[in-house]
Amino acid sequence: MVLGIASFYSARFEGIRTASGDRFSNKLFTGASNSLPLGTWVKVTNVKNGKSVVVKINDKMHPKMKKKGRVIDLSRSAAEKLQYLRKGLTKVKLEVIEPPAGKNN
């Protein structure tokens, strides 16, 4: 388990290639992390309201984000489900999980 700060992608990243080679989409439940391997499935919980979402790590964050205490950068859909779009950042708990049924790494 990891505690830290989550941010979310800007709309300007829509369609760019991620570190995994996927095209980024704010409609998917994905995330960027510098401490977790690409393809890792993570349950992300907003510590302030208890809301959770499962995302697949398919990108790496800019190195300076770690200095700001950020542990994950989420797609807009994932951030919306965690209900922190207005604030931009929130404290989260990350838990590595097995891939959901029917999902491949």
N, C-alpha and C. Protein backbone atom coordinates (compact mmCIF):
# COMPACT_ATOMS: atom_id res chain seq x y z
N MET A 1 0.84 -1.18 0.00
CA MET A 1 0.00 0.00 0.00
C MET A 1 0.89 1.25 0.00
N VAL A 2 0.47 2.24 -0.76
CA VAL A 2 1.21 3.50 -0.88
C VAL A 2 0.23 4.64 -0.66
N LEU A 3 0.64 5.63 0.12
CA LEU A 3 -0.15 6.85 0.30
C LEU A 3 0.57 8.00 -0.39
N GLY A 4 -0.20 8.87 -1.00
CA GLY A 4 0.38 10.03 -1.65
C GLY A 4 -0.68 10.87 -2.32
N ILE A 5 -0.25 11.74 -3.20
CA ILE A 5 -1.14 12.68 -3.87
C ILE A 5 -1.41 12.23 -5.31
N ALA A 6 -2.69 12.31 -5.71
CA ALA A 6 -3.09 12.02 -7.09
C ALA A 6 -3.43 13.32 -7.80
N SER A 7 -3.05 13.39 -9.05
CA SER A 7 -3.45 14.48 -9.94
C SER A 7 -4.18 13.82 -11.11
N PHE A 8 -4.55 14.62 -12.11
CA PHE A 8 -5.15 14.01 -13.30
C PHE A 8 -4.65 14.72 -14.55
N TYR A 9 -4.71 13.98 -15.66
CA TYR A 9 -4.20 14.46 -16.93
C TYR A 9 -4.97 15.68 -17.44
N SER A 10 -4.25 16.55 -18.07
CA SER A 10 -4.84 17.68 -18.79
C SER A 10 -5.47 17.15 -20.08
N ALA A 11 -6.48 17.83 -20.56
CA ALA A 11 -7.15 17.44 -21.82
C ALA A 11 -6.17 17.50 -23.00
N ARG A 12 -5.11 18.26 -22.89
CA ARG A 12 -4.17 18.40 -24.02
C ARG A 12 -3.40 17.11 -24.32
N PHE A 13 -3.45 16.13 -23.41
CA PHE A 13 -2.76 14.86 -23.63
C PHE A 13 -3.60 13.84 -24.40
N GLU A 14 -4.85 14.18 -24.67
CA GLU A 14 -5.76 13.27 -25.37
C GLU A 14 -5.13 12.82 -26.69
N GLY A 15 -5.06 11.50 -26.88
CA GLY A 15 -4.56 10.94 -28.12
C GLY A 15 -3.06 10.73 -28.23
N ILE A 16 -2.28 11.26 -27.28
CA ILE A 16 -0.83 11.05 -27.37
C ILE A 16 -0.48 9.62 -26.96
N ARG A 17 0.66 9.16 -27.39
CA ARG A 17 1.12 7.81 -27.02
C ARG A 17 1.66 7.84 -25.60
N THR A 18 1.27 6.83 -24.83
CA THR A 18 1.77 6.69 -23.46
C THR A 18 3.06 5.86 -23.49
N ALA A 19 3.69 5.70 -22.35
CA ALA A 19 4.91 4.90 -22.26
C ALA A 19 4.69 3.45 -22.69
N SER A 20 3.46 2.97 -22.55
CA SER A 20 3.15 1.59 -22.94
C SER A 20 2.86 1.46 -24.44
N GLY A 21 2.74 2.59 -25.13
CA GLY A 21 2.42 2.58 -26.55
C GLY A 21 0.94 2.79 -26.84
N ASP A 22 0.10 2.73 -25.79
CA ASP A 22 -1.33 2.99 -25.96
C ASP A 22 -1.54 4.47 -26.26
N ARG A 23 -2.64 4.78 -26.91
CA ARG A 23 -3.05 6.18 -27.07
C ARG A 23 -3.81 6.58 -25.81
N PHE A 24 -3.47 7.73 -25.25
CA PHE A 24 -4.13 8.17 -24.03
C PHE A 24 -5.56 8.61 -24.33
N SER A 25 -6.48 8.22 -23.44
CA SER A 25 -7.87 8.67 -23.52
C SER A 25 -8.37 8.99 -22.12
N ASN A 26 -8.90 10.19 -21.95
CA ASN A 26 -9.46 10.57 -20.66
C ASN A 26 -10.74 9.80 -20.33
N LYS A 27 -11.26 9.04 -21.30
CA LYS A 27 -12.47 8.25 -21.07
C LYS A 27 -12.17 6.90 -20.43
N LEU A 28 -10.91 6.45 -20.49
CA LEU A 28 -10.53 5.15 -19.94
C LEU A 28 -10.07 5.29 -18.49
N PHE A 29 -10.05 4.19 -17.79
CA PHE A 29 -9.58 4.18 -16.40
C PHE A 29 -8.12 3.75 -16.39
N THR A 30 -7.23 4.74 -16.54
CA THR A 30 -5.79 4.47 -16.60
C THR A 30 -5.05 5.45 -15.71
N GLY A 31 -3.77 5.16 -15.49
CA GLY A 31 -2.95 6.03 -14.67
C GLY A 31 -1.49 5.98 -15.05
N ALA A 32 -0.76 6.98 -14.59
CA ALA A 32 0.69 7.07 -14.78
C ALA A 32 1.34 7.00 -13.41
N SER A 33 2.44 6.25 -13.34
CA SER A 33 3.18 6.11 -12.08
C SER A 33 4.64 5.91 -12.39
N ASN A 34 5.51 6.42 -11.53
CA ASN A 34 6.94 6.18 -11.69
C ASN A 34 7.42 5.06 -10.79
N SER A 35 6.57 4.60 -9.87
CA SER A 35 6.99 3.55 -8.95
C SER A 35 6.37 2.19 -9.25
N LEU A 36 5.37 2.14 -10.12
CA LEU A 36 4.71 0.88 -10.47
C LEU A 36 5.01 0.52 -11.92
N PRO A 37 5.21 -0.76 -12.21
CA PRO A 37 5.48 -1.17 -13.59
C PRO A 37 4.28 -0.96 -14.51
N LEU A 38 4.56 -0.71 -15.78
CA LEU A 38 3.50 -0.63 -16.77
C LEU A 38 2.73 -1.95 -16.77
N GLY A 39 1.41 -1.85 -16.93
CA GLY A 39 0.56 -3.04 -16.93
C GLY A 39 0.02 -3.44 -15.57
N THR A 40 0.47 -2.76 -14.52
CA THR A 40 0.00 -3.07 -13.16
C THR A 40 -1.42 -2.54 -12.97
N TRP A 41 -2.27 -3.34 -12.33
CA TRP A 41 -3.63 -2.92 -11.98
C TRP A 41 -3.61 -2.43 -10.55
N VAL A 42 -4.25 -1.28 -10.31
CA VAL A 42 -4.20 -0.63 -9.01
C VAL A 42 -5.59 -0.18 -8.58
N LYS A 43 -5.92 -0.45 -7.32
CA LYS A 43 -7.13 0.12 -6.73
C LYS A 43 -6.70 1.43 -6.09
N VAL A 44 -7.30 2.52 -6.53
CA VAL A 44 -6.98 3.85 -6.02
C VAL A 44 -8.16 4.33 -5.19
N THR A 45 -7.89 4.68 -3.93
CA THR A 45 -8.95 5.13 -3.02
C THR A 45 -8.68 6.56 -2.59
N ASN A 46 -9.69 7.41 -2.74
CA ASN A 46 -9.61 8.79 -2.26
C ASN A 46 -9.76 8.73 -0.74
N VAL A 47 -8.70 9.10 -0.03
CA VAL A 47 -8.68 9.01 1.43
C VAL A 47 -9.73 9.92 2.06
N LYS A 48 -10.04 11.03 1.42
CA LYS A 48 -10.97 12.01 2.00
C LYS A 48 -12.43 11.58 1.95
N ASN A 49 -12.82 10.79 0.89
CA ASN A 49 -14.23 10.42 0.80
C ASN A 49 -14.49 8.92 0.68
N GLY A 50 -13.44 8.10 0.63
CA GLY A 50 -13.58 6.66 0.56
C GLY A 50 -13.93 6.10 -0.80
N LYS A 51 -14.10 6.95 -1.82
CA LYS A 51 -14.42 6.48 -3.18
C LYS A 51 -13.20 5.78 -3.78
N SER A 52 -13.45 4.68 -4.54
CA SER A 52 -12.36 3.92 -5.14
C SER A 52 -12.60 3.70 -6.62
N VAL A 53 -11.51 3.45 -7.33
CA VAL A 53 -11.55 3.12 -8.76
C VAL A 53 -10.38 2.19 -9.04
N VAL A 54 -10.56 1.31 -10.03
CA VAL A 54 -9.49 0.42 -10.46
C VAL A 54 -8.97 0.93 -11.80
N VAL A 55 -7.65 1.11 -11.88
CA VAL A 55 -7.01 1.61 -13.10
C VAL A 55 -5.84 0.72 -13.49
N LYS A 56 -5.49 0.81 -14.77
CA LYS A 56 -4.31 0.12 -15.27
C LYS A 56 -3.21 1.16 -15.50
N ILE A 57 -2.02 0.89 -15.00
CA ILE A 57 -0.89 1.78 -15.21
C ILE A 57 -0.38 1.58 -16.64
N ASN A 58 -0.48 2.64 -17.45
CA ASN A 58 -0.02 2.54 -18.84
C ASN A 58 0.91 3.68 -19.23
N ASP A 59 1.36 4.46 -18.23
CA ASP A 59 2.22 5.60 -18.54
C ASP A 59 3.11 5.91 -17.34
N LYS A 60 4.12 6.72 -17.59
CA LYS A 60 5.03 7.21 -16.54
C LYS A 60 4.79 8.70 -16.37
N MET A 61 4.95 9.18 -15.14
CA MET A 61 4.79 10.61 -14.85
C MET A 61 6.10 11.35 -15.13
N HIS A 62 5.99 12.65 -15.30
CA HIS A 62 7.17 13.49 -15.41
C HIS A 62 7.93 13.36 -14.08
N PRO A 63 9.27 13.21 -14.11
CA PRO A 63 10.04 13.01 -12.88
C PRO A 63 9.82 14.07 -11.79
N LYS A 64 9.55 15.31 -12.17
CA LYS A 64 9.37 16.35 -11.15
C LYS A 64 8.09 16.16 -10.32
N MET A 65 7.16 15.34 -10.82
CA MET A 65 5.92 15.10 -10.07
C MET A 65 6.20 14.38 -8.75
N LYS A 66 7.19 13.50 -8.74
CA LYS A 66 7.54 12.78 -7.52
C LYS A 66 8.00 13.75 -6.43
N LYS A 67 8.73 14.78 -6.82
CA LYS A 67 9.19 15.78 -5.86
C LYS A 67 8.03 16.53 -5.23
N LYS A 68 6.90 16.57 -5.92
CA LYS A 68 5.71 17.25 -5.41
C LYS A 68 4.83 16.31 -4.59
N GLY A 69 5.31 15.06 -4.35
CA GLY A 69 4.55 14.11 -3.55
C GLY A 69 3.50 13.34 -4.31
N ARG A 70 3.52 13.45 -5.62
CA ARG A 70 2.51 12.77 -6.44
C ARG A 70 2.91 11.31 -6.65
N VAL A 71 1.95 10.41 -6.47
CA VAL A 71 2.21 8.99 -6.66
C VAL A 71 1.51 8.44 -7.89
N ILE A 72 0.50 9.17 -8.40
CA ILE A 72 -0.23 8.72 -9.58
C ILE A 72 -0.89 9.91 -10.27
N ASP A 73 -0.95 9.81 -11.58
CA ASP A 73 -1.65 10.79 -12.40
C ASP A 73 -2.74 10.00 -13.11
N LEU A 74 -3.99 10.35 -12.90
CA LEU A 74 -5.12 9.57 -13.39
C LEU A 74 -5.80 10.21 -14.59
N SER A 75 -6.50 9.38 -15.34
CA SER A 75 -7.34 9.90 -16.41
C SER A 75 -8.47 10.71 -15.77
N ARG A 76 -9.07 11.57 -16.56
CA ARG A 76 -10.16 12.41 -16.05
C ARG A 76 -11.33 11.55 -15.57
N SER A 77 -11.65 10.47 -16.27
CA SER A 77 -12.75 9.59 -15.85
C SER A 77 -12.50 9.00 -14.47
N ALA A 78 -11.26 8.58 -14.22
CA ALA A 78 -10.92 8.01 -12.92
C ALA A 78 -10.99 9.09 -11.83
N ALA A 79 -10.47 10.28 -12.13
CA ALA A 79 -10.52 11.38 -11.16
C ALA A 79 -11.96 11.78 -10.86
N GLU A 80 -12.79 11.75 -11.88
CA GLU A 80 -14.20 12.10 -11.69
C GLU A 80 -14.88 11.09 -10.75
N LYS A 81 -14.57 9.82 -10.93
CA LYS A 81 -15.15 8.79 -10.07
C LYS A 81 -14.70 8.96 -8.62
N LEU A 82 -13.47 9.46 -8.43
CA LEU A 82 -12.96 9.72 -7.08
C LEU A 82 -13.41 11.07 -6.53
N GLN A 83 -14.08 11.84 -7.35
CA GLN A 83 -14.67 13.14 -6.99
C GLN A 83 -13.66 14.17 -6.49
N TYR A 84 -12.61 14.40 -7.31
CA TYR A 84 -11.68 15.47 -6.95
C TYR A 84 -11.34 16.39 -8.12
N LEU A 85 -12.19 16.41 -9.13
CA LEU A 85 -11.92 17.26 -10.30
C LEU A 85 -11.80 18.73 -9.94
N ARG A 86 -12.67 19.21 -9.09
CA ARG A 86 -12.65 20.65 -8.75
C ARG A 86 -11.37 21.06 -8.02
N LYS A 87 -10.88 20.17 -7.15
CA LYS A 87 -9.68 20.50 -6.37
C LYS A 87 -8.40 20.28 -7.16
N GLY A 88 -8.42 19.33 -8.11
CA GLY A 88 -7.25 19.05 -8.92
C GLY A 88 -6.31 18.02 -8.34
N LEU A 89 -6.23 17.94 -7.03
CA LEU A 89 -5.37 17.00 -6.33
C LEU A 89 -6.12 16.41 -5.15
N THR A 90 -5.75 15.19 -4.76
CA THR A 90 -6.33 14.60 -3.55
C THR A 90 -5.37 13.57 -3.00
N LYS A 91 -5.49 13.29 -1.72
CA LYS A 91 -4.69 12.25 -1.09
C LYS A 91 -5.33 10.90 -1.39
N VAL A 92 -4.50 9.95 -1.83
CA VAL A 92 -5.00 8.63 -2.21
C VAL A 92 -4.18 7.51 -1.57
N LYS A 93 -4.82 6.35 -1.58
CA LYS A 93 -4.16 5.11 -1.17
C LYS A 93 -4.13 4.23 -2.41
N LEU A 94 -2.95 3.67 -2.74
CA LEU A 94 -2.80 2.77 -3.88
C LEU A 94 -2.58 1.35 -3.38
N GLU A 95 -3.33 0.41 -3.96
CA GLU A 95 -3.16 -1.00 -3.64
C GLU A 95 -3.07 -1.79 -4.94
N VAL A 96 -1.97 -2.50 -5.15
CA VAL A 96 -1.81 -3.33 -6.33
C VAL A 96 -2.76 -4.50 -6.21
N ILE A 97 -3.47 -4.79 -7.31
CA ILE A 97 -4.45 -5.89 -7.31
C ILE A 97 -4.20 -6.80 -8.52
N GLU A 98 -4.85 -7.95 -8.52
CA GLU A 98 -4.82 -8.85 -9.68
C GLU A 98 -5.64 -8.20 -10.80
N PRO A 99 -5.32 -8.49 -12.06
CA PRO A 99 -6.14 -7.94 -13.15
C PRO A 99 -7.60 -8.37 -13.01
N PRO A 100 -8.51 -7.46 -13.26
CA PRO A 100 -9.94 -7.82 -13.21
C PRO A 100 -10.24 -8.95 -14.19
N ALA A 101 -11.26 -9.73 -13.93
CA ALA A 101 -11.66 -10.83 -14.79
C ALA A 101 -11.84 -10.34 -16.23
N GLY A 102 -11.24 -11.06 -17.16
CA GLY A 102 -11.38 -10.72 -18.57
C GLY A 102 -10.39 -9.67 -19.05
N LYS A 103 -9.54 -9.16 -18.15
CA LYS A 103 -8.56 -8.13 -18.54
C LYS A 103 -7.17 -8.75 -18.57
N ASN A 104 -6.39 -8.39 -19.57
CA ASN A 104 -5.02 -8.88 -19.67
C ASN A 104 -4.07 -7.79 -19.21
N ASN A 105 -2.87 -8.20 -18.86
CA ASN A 105 -1.84 -7.20 -18.58
C ASN A 105 -1.33 -6.71 -19.84
